[in-house]
Amino acid sequence: MTMAEFLKDETEFEARLLGAHVLVVDCTAPWCGPCKLVAPLIDRLAAEYSDRAEIYKLDIDPNRDLAKKLGIRSIPAVIFFKAGEKVATIVGVKSYEEFSLAVEKLL
């Protein structure tokens, strides 16, 4: 199964944002319990939508400045971008259906 890769830094994020029609970024941290519940759902999104959307994870600990720019106040937070614009954010543990529906709306 395809797993969502981690973005290394802000430079990689910016490159992906410019190159993707639909970009999904799961803002997470290794110490976050609820994030561990969301992680397999994001991996499932990456597998299911790999041909139509780019799905990534972002460890906010080494990327605090980027997390701040993205307006992250609480994690897990999954941010949805279309054509370089932030269009939605889902905060907290949600169902796979809620995440996939958010992606479907952007395709």
PDB file of N, CA and C in Angstrom:
ATOM      1  N   MET A   1       0.830  -1.191   0.000  1.00  0.00           N
ATOM      2  CA  MET A   1       0.000   0.000   0.000  1.00  0.00           C
ATOM      3  C   MET A   1       0.874   1.255   0.000  1.00  0.00           C
ATOM      4  N   THR A   2       0.467   2.217  -0.770  1.00  0.00           N
ATOM      5  CA  THR A   2       1.161   3.498  -0.820  1.00  0.00           C
ATOM      6  C   THR A   2       0.969   4.231   0.498  1.00  0.00           C
ATOM      7  N   MET A   3       2.048   4.812   0.988  1.00  0.00           N
ATOM      8  CA  MET A   3       1.954   5.608   2.208  1.00  0.00           C
ATOM      9  C   MET A   3       2.263   7.063   1.875  1.00  0.00           C
ATOM     10  N   ALA A   4       1.621   7.965   2.577  1.00  0.00           N
ATOM     11  CA  ALA A   4       1.894   9.389   2.383  1.00  0.00           C
ATOM     12  C   ALA A   4       3.303   9.687   2.883  1.00  0.00           C
ATOM     13  N   GLU A   5       4.069  10.362   2.059  1.00  0.00           N
ATOM     14  CA  GLU A   5       5.436  10.727   2.439  1.00  0.00           C
ATOM     15  C   GLU A   5       5.427  12.004   3.265  1.00  0.00           C
ATOM     16  N   PHE A   6       6.502  12.189   4.034  1.00  0.00           N
ATOM     17  CA  PHE A   6       6.660  13.420   4.801  1.00  0.00           C
ATOM     18  C   PHE A   6       7.345  14.478   3.953  1.00  0.00           C
ATOM     19  N   LEU A   7       6.823  15.690   3.997  1.00  0.00           N
ATOM     20  CA  LEU A   7       7.510  16.831   3.395  1.00  0.00           C
ATOM     21  C   LEU A   7       8.688  17.169   4.292  1.00  0.00           C
ATOM     22  N   LYS A   8       9.838  17.446   3.695  1.00  0.00           N
ATOM     23  CA  LYS A   8      11.033  17.703   4.484  1.00  0.00           C
ATOM     24  C   LYS A   8      11.048  19.100   5.100  1.00  0.00           C
ATOM     25  N   ASP A   9      10.627  20.088   4.303  1.00  0.00           N
ATOM     26  CA  ASP A   9      10.754  21.469   4.760  1.00  0.00           C
ATOM     27  C   ASP A   9       9.846  22.386   3.945  1.00  0.00           C
ATOM     28  N   GLU A  10       9.932  23.674   4.230  1.00  0.00           N
ATOM     29  CA  GLU A  10       9.086  24.655   3.560  1.00  0.00           C
ATOM     30  C   GLU A  10       9.378  24.733   2.063  1.00  0.00           C
ATOM     31  N   THR A  11      10.633  24.558   1.678  1.00  0.00           N
ATOM     32  CA  THR A  11      11.005  24.596   0.263  1.00  0.00           C
ATOM     33  C   THR A  11      10.292  23.482  -0.504  1.00  0.00           C
ATOM     34  N   GLU A  12      10.299  22.285   0.056  1.00  0.00           N
ATOM     35  CA  GLU A  12       9.608  21.175  -0.600  1.00  0.00           C
ATOM     36  C   GLU A  12       8.098  21.414  -0.620  1.00  0.00           C
ATOM     37  N   PHE A  13       7.550  21.945   0.463  1.00  0.00           N
ATOM     38  CA  PHE A  13       6.126  22.259   0.506  1.00  0.00           C
ATOM     39  C   PHE A  13       5.758  23.226  -0.617  1.00  0.00           C
ATOM     40  N   GLU A  14       6.529  24.299  -0.743  1.00  0.00           N
ATOM     41  CA  GLU A  14       6.250  25.306  -1.780  1.00  0.00           C
ATOM     42  C   GLU A  14       6.309  24.695  -3.172  1.00  0.00           C
ATOM     43  N   ALA A  15       7.287  23.828  -3.421  1.00  0.00           N
ATOM     44  CA  ALA A  15       7.414  23.176  -4.734  1.00  0.00           C
ATOM     45  C   ALA A  15       6.196  22.289  -5.010  1.00  0.00           C
ATOM     46  N   ARG A  16       5.770  21.532  -4.017  1.00  0.00           N
ATOM     47  CA  ARG A  16       4.590  20.662  -4.183  1.00  0.00           C
ATOM     48  C   ARG A  16       3.327  21.500  -4.387  1.00  0.00           C
ATOM     49  N   LEU A  17       3.220  22.591  -3.657  1.00  0.00           N
ATOM     50  CA  LEU A  17       2.053  23.453  -3.761  1.00  0.00           C
ATOM     51  C   LEU A  17       1.924  24.028  -5.168  1.00  0.00           C
ATOM     52  N   LEU A  18       3.037  24.427  -5.746  1.00  0.00           N
ATOM     53  CA  LEU A  18       3.025  24.986  -7.099  1.00  0.00           C
ATOM     54  C   LEU A  18       2.733  23.925  -8.158  1.00  0.00           C
ATOM     55  N   GLY A  19       3.182  22.694  -7.906  1.00  0.00           N
ATOM     56  CA  GLY A  19       3.062  21.655  -8.920  1.00  0.00           C
ATOM     57  C   GLY A  19       1.799  20.821  -8.871  1.00  0.00           C
ATOM     58  N   ALA A  20       1.034  20.926  -7.789  1.00  0.00           N
ATOM     59  CA  ALA A  20      -0.119  20.041  -7.615  1.00  0.00           C
ATOM     60  C   ALA A  20      -1.424  20.770  -7.899  1.00  0.00           C
ATOM     61  N   HIS A  21      -2.321  20.083  -8.593  1.00  0.00           N
ATOM     62  CA  HIS A  21      -3.669  20.613  -8.784  1.00  0.00           C
ATOM     63  C   HIS A  21      -4.420  20.522  -7.454  1.00  0.00           C
ATOM     64  N   VAL A  22      -4.334  19.344  -6.821  1.00  0.00           N
ATOM     65  CA  VAL A  22      -4.922  19.130  -5.487  1.00  0.00           C
ATOM     66  C   VAL A  22      -3.813  18.617  -4.573  1.00  0.00           C
ATOM     67  N   LEU A  23      -3.613  19.305  -3.457  1.00  0.00           N
ATOM     68  CA  LEU A  23      -2.592  18.945  -2.485  1.00  0.00           C
ATOM     69  C   LEU A  23      -3.257  18.823  -1.117  1.00  0.00           C
ATOM     70  N   VAL A  24      -2.952  17.723  -0.426  1.00  0.00           N
ATOM     71  CA  VAL A  24      -3.471  17.497   0.921  1.00  0.00           C
ATOM     72  C   VAL A  24      -2.273  17.324   1.844  1.00  0.00           C
ATOM     73  N   VAL A  25      -2.256  18.086   2.941  1.00  0.00           N
ATOM     74  CA  VAL A  25      -1.139  18.020   3.888  1.00  0.00           C
ATOM     75  C   VAL A  25      -1.686  17.736   5.290  1.00  0.00           C
ATOM     76  N   ASP A  26      -1.251  16.613   5.849  1.00  0.00           N
ATOM     77  CA  ASP A  26      -1.606  16.223   7.210  1.00  0.00           C
ATOM     78  C   ASP A  26      -0.538  16.767   8.142  1.00  0.00           C
ATOM     79  N   CYS A  27      -0.888  17.775   8.945  1.00  0.00           N
ATOM     80  CA  CYS A  27       0.051  18.354   9.910  1.00  0.00           C
ATOM     81  C   CYS A  27      -0.016  17.516  11.178  1.00  0.00           C
ATOM     82  N   THR A  28       1.131  16.967  11.565  1.00  0.00           N
ATOM     83  CA  THR A  28       1.188  15.952  12.603  1.00  0.00           C
ATOM     84  C   THR A  28       2.450  16.106  13.435  1.00  0.00           C
ATOM     85  N   ALA A  29       2.592  15.271  14.456  1.00  0.00           N
ATOM     86  CA  ALA A  29       3.811  15.212  15.265  1.00  0.00           C
ATOM     87  C   ALA A  29       3.886  13.825  15.895  1.00  0.00           C
ATOM     88  N   PRO A  30       5.108  13.315  16.100  1.00  0.00           N
ATOM     89  CA  PRO A  30       5.265  11.966  16.640  1.00  0.00           C
ATOM     90  C   PRO A  30       4.672  11.779  18.044  1.00  0.00           C
ATOM     91  N   TRP A  31       4.613  12.837  18.826  1.00  0.00           N
ATOM     92  CA  TRP A  31       4.119  12.757  20.200  1.00  0.00           C
ATOM     93  C   TRP A  31       2.598  12.885  20.302  1.00  0.00           C
ATOM     94  N   CYS A  32       1.928  13.140  19.199  1.00  0.00           N
ATOM     95  CA  CYS A  32       0.487  13.418  19.191  1.00  0.00           C
ATOM     96  C   CYS A  32      -0.323  12.125  19.053  1.00  0.00           C
ATOM     97  N   GLY A  33      -1.028  11.747  20.119  1.00  0.00           N
ATOM     98  CA  GLY A  33      -1.837  10.529  20.095  1.00  0.00           C
ATOM     99  C   GLY A  33      -2.917  10.525  19.030  1.00  0.00           C
ATOM    100  N   PRO A  34      -3.757  11.573  18.952  1.00  0.00           N
ATOM    101  CA  PRO A  34      -4.795  11.594  17.918  1.00  0.00           C
ATOM    102  C   PRO A  34      -4.223  11.543  16.488  1.00  0.00           C
ATOM    103  N   CYS A  35      -3.017  12.094  16.311  1.00  0.00           N
ATOM    104  CA  CYS A  35      -2.382  12.059  14.986  1.00  0.00           C
ATOM    105  C   CYS A  35      -2.131  10.619  14.545  1.00  0.00           C
ATOM    106  N   LYS A  36      -1.840   9.755  15.513  1.00  0.00           N
ATOM    107  CA  LYS A  36      -1.588   8.348  15.198  1.00  0.00           C
ATOM    108  C   LYS A  36      -2.857   7.655  14.695  1.00  0.00           C
ATOM    109  N   LEU A  37      -4.015   8.157  15.090  1.00  0.00           N
ATOM    110  CA  LEU A  37      -5.280   7.614  14.606  1.00  0.00           C
ATOM    111  C   LEU A  37      -5.581   8.084  13.181  1.00  0.00           C
ATOM    112  N   VAL A  38      -5.158   9.304  12.857  1.00  0.00           N
ATOM    113  CA  VAL A  38      -5.403   9.878  11.533  1.00  0.00           C
ATOM    114  C   VAL A  38      -4.407   9.348  10.493  1.00  0.00           C
ATOM    115  N   ALA A  39      -3.180   9.031  10.920  1.00  0.00           N
ATOM    116  CA  ALA A  39      -2.111   8.629   9.991  1.00  0.00           C
ATOM    117  C   ALA A  39      -2.514   7.515   9.018  1.00  0.00           C
ATOM    118  N   PRO A  40      -3.128   6.406   9.478  1.00  0.00           N
ATOM    119  CA  PRO A  40      -3.491   5.369   8.506  1.00  0.00           C
ATOM    120  C   PRO A  40      -4.574   5.813   7.531  1.00  0.00           C
ATOM    121  N   LEU A  41      -5.410   6.753   7.940  1.00  0.00           N
ATOM    122  CA  LEU A  41      -6.432   7.278   7.032  1.00  0.00           C
ATOM    123  C   LEU A  41      -5.790   8.111   5.927  1.00  0.00           C
ATOM    124  N   ILE A  42      -4.766   8.869   6.290  1.00  0.00           N
ATOM    125  CA  ILE A  42      -4.043   9.675   5.298  1.00  0.00           C
ATOM    126  C   ILE A  42      -3.279   8.758   4.342  1.00  0.00           C
ATOM    127  N   ASP A  43      -2.706   7.681   4.874  1.00  0.00           N
ATOM    128  CA  ASP A  43      -2.029   6.709   4.000  1.00  0.00           C
ATOM    129  C   ASP A  43      -3.031   6.085   3.025  1.00  0.00           C
ATOM    130  N   ARG A  44      -4.232   5.805   3.509  1.00  0.00           N
ATOM    131  CA  ARG A  44      -5.275   5.235   2.638  1.00  0.00           C
ATOM    132  C   ARG A  44      -5.672   6.241   1.557  1.00  0.00           C
ATOM    133  N   LEU A  45      -5.775   7.522   1.920  1.00  0.00           N
ATOM    134  CA  LEU A  45      -6.051   8.563   0.923  1.00  0.00           C
ATOM    135  C   LEU A  45      -4.961   8.585  -0.137  1.00  0.00           C
ATOM    136  N   ALA A  46      -3.707   8.515   0.321  1.00  0.00           N
ATOM    137  CA  ALA A  46      -2.573   8.540  -0.610  1.00  0.00           C
ATOM    138  C   ALA A  46      -2.659   7.380  -1.595  1.00  0.00           C
ATOM    139  N   ALA A  47      -3.044   6.215  -1.108  1.00  0.00           N
ATOM    140  CA  ALA A  47      -3.158   5.039  -1.979  1.00  0.00           C
ATOM    141  C   ALA A  47      -4.323   5.192  -2.944  1.00  0.00           C
ATOM    142  N   GLU A  48      -5.446   5.651  -2.451  1.00  0.00           N
ATOM    143  CA  GLU A  48      -6.656   5.725  -3.276  1.00  0.00           C
ATOM    144  C   GLU A  48      -6.623   6.856  -4.296  1.00  0.00           C
ATOM    145  N   TYR A  49      -6.005   7.975  -3.947  1.00  0.00           N
ATOM    146  CA  TYR A  49      -6.038   9.154  -4.814  1.00  0.00           C
ATOM    147  C   TYR A  49      -4.689   9.492  -5.442  1.00  0.00           C
ATOM    148  N   SER A  50      -3.742   8.565  -5.411  1.00  0.00           N
ATOM    149  CA  SER A  50      -2.387   8.866  -5.891  1.00  0.00           C
ATOM    150  C   SER A  50      -2.352   9.338  -7.337  1.00  0.00           C
ATOM    151  N   ASP A  51      -3.330   8.936  -8.136  1.00  0.00           N
ATOM    152  CA  ASP A  51      -3.353   9.336  -9.541  1.00  0.00           C
ATOM    153  C   ASP A  51      -4.028  10.690  -9.760  1.00  0.00           C
ATOM    154  N   ARG A  52      -4.694  11.238  -8.714  1.00  0.00           N
ATOM    155  CA  ARG A  52      -5.446  12.475  -8.904  1.00  0.00           C
ATOM    156  C   ARG A  52      -5.112  13.586  -7.927  1.00  0.00           C
ATOM    157  N   ALA A  53      -4.392  13.270  -6.849  1.00  0.00           N
ATOM    158  CA  ALA A  53      -4.057  14.273  -5.834  1.00  0.00           C
ATOM    159  C   ALA A  53      -2.725  13.910  -5.191  1.00  0.00           C
ATOM    160  N   GLU A  54      -2.068  14.912  -4.656  1.00  0.00           N
ATOM    161  CA  GLU A  54      -0.823  14.678  -3.929  1.00  0.00           C
ATOM    162  C   GLU A  54      -1.144  14.760  -2.440  1.00  0.00           C
ATOM    163  N   ILE A  55      -0.809  13.693  -1.704  1.00  0.00           N
ATOM    164  CA  ILE A  55      -1.118  13.588  -0.286  1.00  0.00           C
ATOM    165  C   ILE A  55       0.197  13.462   0.485  1.00  0.00           C
ATOM    166  N   TYR A  56       0.421  14.377   1.433  1.00  0.00           N
ATOM    167  CA  TYR A  56       1.653  14.386   2.213  1.00  0.00           C
ATOM    168  C   TYR A  56       1.366  14.568   3.692  1.00  0.00           C
ATOM    169  N   LYS A  57       2.384  14.283   4.494  1.00  0.00           N
ATOM    170  CA  LYS A  57       2.362  14.558   5.927  1.00  0.00           C
ATOM    171  C   LYS A  57       3.430  15.608   6.204  1.00  0.00           C
ATOM    172  N   LEU A  58       3.221  16.392   7.243  1.00  0.00           N
ATOM    173  CA  LEU A  58       4.185  17.410   7.648  1.00  0.00           C
ATOM    174  C   LEU A  58       4.373  17.317   9.151  1.00  0.00           C
ATOM    175  N   ASP A  59       5.588  16.957   9.571  1.00  0.00           N
ATOM    176  CA  ASP A  59       5.934  16.934  10.999  1.00  0.00           C
ATOM    177  C   ASP A  59       6.130  18.386  11.417  1.00  0.00           C
ATOM    178  N   ILE A  60       5.250  18.875  12.285  1.00  0.00           N
ATOM    179  CA  ILE A  60       5.315  20.295  12.626  1.00  0.00           C
ATOM    180  C   ILE A  60       6.486  20.645  13.542  1.00  0.00           C
ATOM    181  N   ASP A  61       7.062  19.657  14.241  1.00  0.00           N
ATOM    182  CA  ASP A  61       8.169  19.966  15.153  1.00  0.00           C
ATOM    183  C   ASP A  61       9.364  20.603  14.439  1.00  0.00           C
ATOM    184  N   PRO A  62       9.904  19.989  13.375  1.00  0.00           N
ATOM    185  CA  PRO A  62      11.023  20.645  12.686  1.00  0.00           C
ATOM    186  C   PRO A  62      10.562  21.736  11.704  1.00  0.00           C
ATOM    187  N   ASN A  63       9.254  21.915  11.566  1.00  0.00           N
ATOM    188  CA  ASN A  63       8.705  22.881  10.605  1.00  0.00           C
ATOM    189  C   ASN A  63       7.757  23.867  11.291  1.00  0.00           C
ATOM    190  N   ARG A  64       8.171  24.366  12.438  1.00  0.00           N
ATOM    191  CA  ARG A  64       7.303  25.261  13.221  1.00  0.00           C
ATOM    192  C   ARG A  64       6.931  26.535  12.464  1.00  0.00           C
ATOM    193  N   ASP A  65       7.883  27.115  11.738  1.00  0.00           N
ATOM    194  CA  ASP A  65       7.592  28.349  11.006  1.00  0.00           C
ATOM    195  C   ASP A  65       6.535  28.107   9.927  1.00  0.00           C
ATOM    196  N   LEU A  66       6.663  27.001   9.219  1.00  0.00           N
ATOM    197  CA  LEU A  66       5.684  26.669   8.183  1.00  0.00           C
ATOM    198  C   LEU A  66       4.317  26.397   8.808  1.00  0.00           C
ATOM    199  N   ALA A  67       4.289  25.674   9.917  1.00  0.00           N
ATOM    200  CA  ALA A  67       3.021  25.399  10.600  1.00  0.00           C
ATOM    201  C   ALA A  67       2.343  26.705  11.009  1.00  0.00           C
ATOM    202  N   LYS A  68       3.137  27.649  11.468  1.00  0.00           N
ATOM    203  CA  LYS A  68       2.595  28.949  11.863  1.00  0.00           C
ATOM    204  C   LYS A  68       2.021  29.673  10.646  1.00  0.00           C
ATOM    205  N   LYS A  69       2.751  29.657   9.519  1.00  0.00           N
ATOM    206  CA  LYS A  69       2.273  30.291   8.286  1.00  0.00           C
ATOM    207  C   LYS A  69       0.969  29.663   7.802  1.00  0.00           C
ATOM    208  N   LEU A  70       0.833  28.358   8.026  1.00  0.00           N
ATOM    209  CA  LEU A  70      -0.369  27.647   7.593  1.00  0.00           C
ATOM    210  C   LEU A  70      -1.528  27.826   8.570  1.00  0.00           C
ATOM    211  N   GLY A  71      -1.259  28.486   9.697  1.00  0.00           N
ATOM    212  CA  GLY A  71      -2.309  28.758  10.665  1.00  0.00           C
ATOM    213  C   GLY A  71      -2.655  27.573  11.553  1.00  0.00           C
ATOM    214  N   ILE A  72      -1.704  26.672  11.752  1.00  0.00           N
ATOM    215  CA  ILE A  72      -1.950  25.484  12.567  1.00  0.00           C
ATOM    216  C   ILE A  72      -1.909  25.862  14.044  1.00  0.00           C
ATOM    217  N   ARG A  73      -3.025  25.608  14.731  1.00  0.00           N
ATOM    218  CA  ARG A  73      -3.103  25.866  16.172  1.00  0.00           C
ATOM    219  C   ARG A  73      -3.295  24.577  16.947  1.00  0.00           C
ATOM    220  N   SER A  74      -3.814  23.558  16.264  1.00  0.00           N
ATOM    221  CA  SER A  74      -4.118  22.289  16.911  1.00  0.00           C
ATOM    222  C   SER A  74      -3.881  21.174  15.899  1.00  0.00           C
ATOM    223  N   ILE A  75      -3.380  20.037  16.372  1.00  0.00           N
ATOM    224  CA  ILE A  75      -3.172  18.900  15.481  1.00  0.00           C
ATOM    225  C   ILE A  75      -3.909  17.693  16.034  1.00  0.00           C
ATOM    226  N   PRO A  76      -4.257  16.743  15.201  1.00  0.00           N
ATOM    227  CA  PRO A  76      -4.013  16.687  13.768  1.00  0.00           C
ATOM    228  C   PRO A  76      -4.853  17.724  13.014  1.00  0.00           C
ATOM    229  N   ALA A  77      -4.248  18.274  11.966  1.00  0.00           N
ATOM    230  CA  ALA A  77      -4.938  19.207  11.081  1.00  0.00           C
ATOM    231  C   ALA A  77      -4.590  18.811   9.646  1.00  0.00           C
ATOM    232  N   VAL A  78      -5.601  18.554   8.866  1.00  0.00           N
ATOM    233  CA  VAL A  78      -5.399  18.170   7.468  1.00  0.00           C
ATOM    234  C   VAL A  78      -5.859  19.346   6.616  1.00  0.00           C
ATOM    235  N   ILE A  79      -4.920  19.883   5.821  1.00  0.00           N
ATOM    236  CA  ILE A  79      -5.191  21.073   5.014  1.00  0.00           C
ATOM    237  C   ILE A  79      -5.322  20.656   3.551  1.00  0.00           C
ATOM    238  N   PHE A  80      -6.322  21.224   2.895  1.00  0.00           N
ATOM    239  CA  PHE A  80      -6.611  20.914   1.498  1.00  0.00           C
ATOM    240  C   PHE A  80      -6.352  22.159   0.650  1.00  0.00           C
ATOM    241  N   PHE A  81      -5.561  21.973  -0.413  1.00  0.00           N
ATOM    242  CA  PHE A  81      -5.229  23.064  -1.333  1.00  0.00           C
ATOM    243  C   PHE A  81      -5.696  22.691  -2.736  1.00  0.00           C
ATOM    244  N   LYS A  82      -6.189  23.685  -3.460  1.00  0.00           N
ATOM    245  CA  LYS A  82      -6.526  23.479  -4.871  1.00  0.00           C
ATOM    246  C   LYS A  82      -5.890  24.606  -5.660  1.00  0.00           C
ATOM    247  N   ALA A  83      -5.114  24.245  -6.670  1.00  0.00           N
ATOM    248  CA  ALA A  83      -4.428  25.215  -7.519  1.00  0.00           C
ATOM    249  C   ALA A  83      -3.657  26.241  -6.692  1.00  0.00           C
ATOM    250  N   GLY A  84      -2.982  25.764  -5.640  1.00  0.00           N
ATOM    251  CA  GLY A  84      -2.129  26.623  -4.828  1.00  0.00           C
ATOM    252  C   GLY A  84      -2.832  27.403  -3.737  1.00  0.00           C
ATOM    253  N   GLU A  85      -4.154  27.304  -3.648  1.00  0.00           N
ATOM    254  CA  GLU A  85      -4.920  28.048  -2.653  1.00  0.00           C
ATOM    255  C   GLU A  85      -5.448  27.119  -1.559  1.00  0.00           C
ATOM    256  N   LYS A  86      -5.313  27.543  -0.326  1.00  0.00           N
ATOM    257  CA  LYS A  86      -5.869  26.788   0.809  1.00  0.00           C
ATOM    258  C   LYS A  86      -7.386  26.929   0.760  1.00  0.00           C
ATOM    259  N   VAL A  87      -8.084  25.774   0.680  1.00  0.00           N
ATOM    260  CA  VAL A  87      -9.541  25.831   0.548  1.00  0.00           C
ATOM    261  C   VAL A  87     -10.283  25.225   1.738  1.00  0.00           C
ATOM    262  N   ALA A  88      -9.620  24.378   2.521  1.00  0.00           N
ATOM    263  CA  ALA A  88     -10.300  23.757   3.659  1.00  0.00           C
ATOM    264  C   ALA A  88      -9.272  23.212   4.644  1.00  0.00           C
ATOM    265  N   THR A  89      -9.690  23.103   5.899  1.00  0.00           N
ATOM    266  CA  THR A  89      -8.886  22.463   6.940  1.00  0.00           C
ATOM    267  C   THR A  89      -9.825  21.627   7.807  1.00  0.00           C
ATOM    268  N   ILE A  90      -9.420  20.395   8.051  1.00  0.00           N
ATOM    269  CA  ILE A  90     -10.161  19.526   8.963  1.00  0.00           C
ATOM    270  C   ILE A  90      -9.266  19.288  10.177  1.00  0.00           C
ATOM    271  N   VAL A  91      -9.752  19.681  11.347  1.00  0.00           N
ATOM    272  CA  VAL A  91      -8.977  19.535  12.580  1.00  0.00           C
ATOM    273  C   VAL A  91      -9.580  18.417  13.421  1.00  0.00           C
ATOM    274  N   GLY A  92      -8.690  17.577  13.951  1.00  0.00           N
ATOM    275  CA  GLY A  92      -9.126  16.508  14.835  1.00  0.00           C
ATOM    276  C   GLY A  92      -9.277  15.178  14.119  1.00  0.00           C
ATOM    277  N   VAL A  93      -9.656  14.174  14.880  1.00  0.00           N
ATOM    278  CA  VAL A  93      -9.841  12.830  14.345  1.00  0.00           C
ATOM    279  C   VAL A  93     -11.225  12.756  13.709  1.00  0.00           C
ATOM    280  N   LYS A  94     -11.247  12.442  12.426  1.00  0.00           N
ATOM    281  CA  LYS A  94     -12.495  12.323  11.669  1.00  0.00           C
ATOM    282  C   LYS A  94     -12.502  10.984  10.955  1.00  0.00           C
ATOM    283  N   SER A  95     -13.614  10.670  10.319  1.00  0.00           N
ATOM    284  CA  SER A  95     -13.724   9.408   9.579  1.00  0.00           C
ATOM    285  C   SER A  95     -13.005   9.510   8.242  1.00  0.00           C
ATOM    286  N   TYR A  96     -12.657   8.343   7.693  1.00  0.00           N
ATOM    287  CA  TYR A  96     -12.043   8.313   6.364  1.00  0.00           C
ATOM    288  C   TYR A  96     -12.971   8.978   5.350  1.00  0.00           C
ATOM    289  N   GLU A  97     -14.266   8.735   5.489  1.00  0.00           N
ATOM    290  CA  GLU A  97     -15.244   9.285   4.554  1.00  0.00           C
ATOM    291  C   GLU A  97     -15.191  10.812   4.529  1.00  0.00           C
ATOM    292  N   GLU A  98     -14.993  11.424   5.689  1.00  0.00           N
ATOM    293  CA  GLU A  98     -14.940  12.886   5.736  1.00  0.00           C
ATOM    294  C   GLU A  98     -13.715  13.417   4.984  1.00  0.00           C
ATOM    295  N   PHE A  99     -12.578  12.746   5.169  1.00  0.00           N
ATOM    296  CA  PHE A  99     -11.367  13.158   4.441  1.00  0.00           C
ATOM    297  C   PHE A  99     -11.523  12.920   2.941  1.00  0.00           C
ATOM    298  N   SER A 100     -12.037  11.759   2.552  1.00  0.00           N
ATOM    299  CA  SER A 100     -12.148  11.440   1.122  1.00  0.00           C
ATOM    300  C   SER A 100     -13.180  12.350   0.444  1.00  0.00           C
ATOM    301  N   LEU A 101     -14.247  12.698   1.143  1.00  0.00           N
ATOM    302  CA  LEU A 101     -15.239  13.604   0.584  1.00  0.00           C
ATOM    303  C   LEU A 101     -14.627  14.984   0.316  1.00  0.00           C
ATOM    304  N   ALA A 102     -13.767  15.434   1.233  1.00  0.00           N
ATOM    305  CA  ALA A 102     -13.089  16.722   1.041  1.00  0.00           C
ATOM    306  C   ALA A 102     -12.198  16.686  -0.203  1.00  0.00           C
ATOM    307  N   VAL A 103     -11.529  15.560  -0.439  1.00  0.00           N
ATOM    308  CA  VAL A 103     -10.698  15.421  -1.645  1.00  0.00           C
ATOM    309  C   VAL A 103     -11.586  15.386  -2.886  1.00  0.00           C
ATOM    310  N   GLU A 104     -12.651  14.612  -2.840  1.00  0.00           N
ATOM    311  CA  GLU A 104     -13.565  14.473  -3.983  1.00  0.00           C
ATOM    312  C   GLU A 104     -14.102  15.823  -4.429  1.00  0.00           C
ATOM    313  N   LYS A 105     -14.413  16.697  -3.478  1.00  0.00           N
ATOM    314  CA  LYS A 105     -14.948  18.019  -3.803  1.00  0.00           C
ATOM    315  C   LYS A 105     -13.967  18.853  -4.623  1.00  0.00           C
ATOM    316  N   LEU A 106     -12.677  18.564  -4.472  1.00  0.00           N
ATOM    317  CA  LEU A 106     -11.653  19.355  -5.147  1.00  0.00           C
ATOM    318  C   LEU A 106     -11.250  18.806  -6.507  1.00  0.00           C
ATOM    319  N   LEU A 107     -11.629  17.568  -6.783  1.00  0.00           N
ATOM    320  CA  LEU A 107     -11.218  16.934  -8.045  1.00  0.00           C
ATOM    321  C   LEU A 107     -12.112  17.342  -9.197  1.00  0.00           C
TER     322      LEU A 107
END
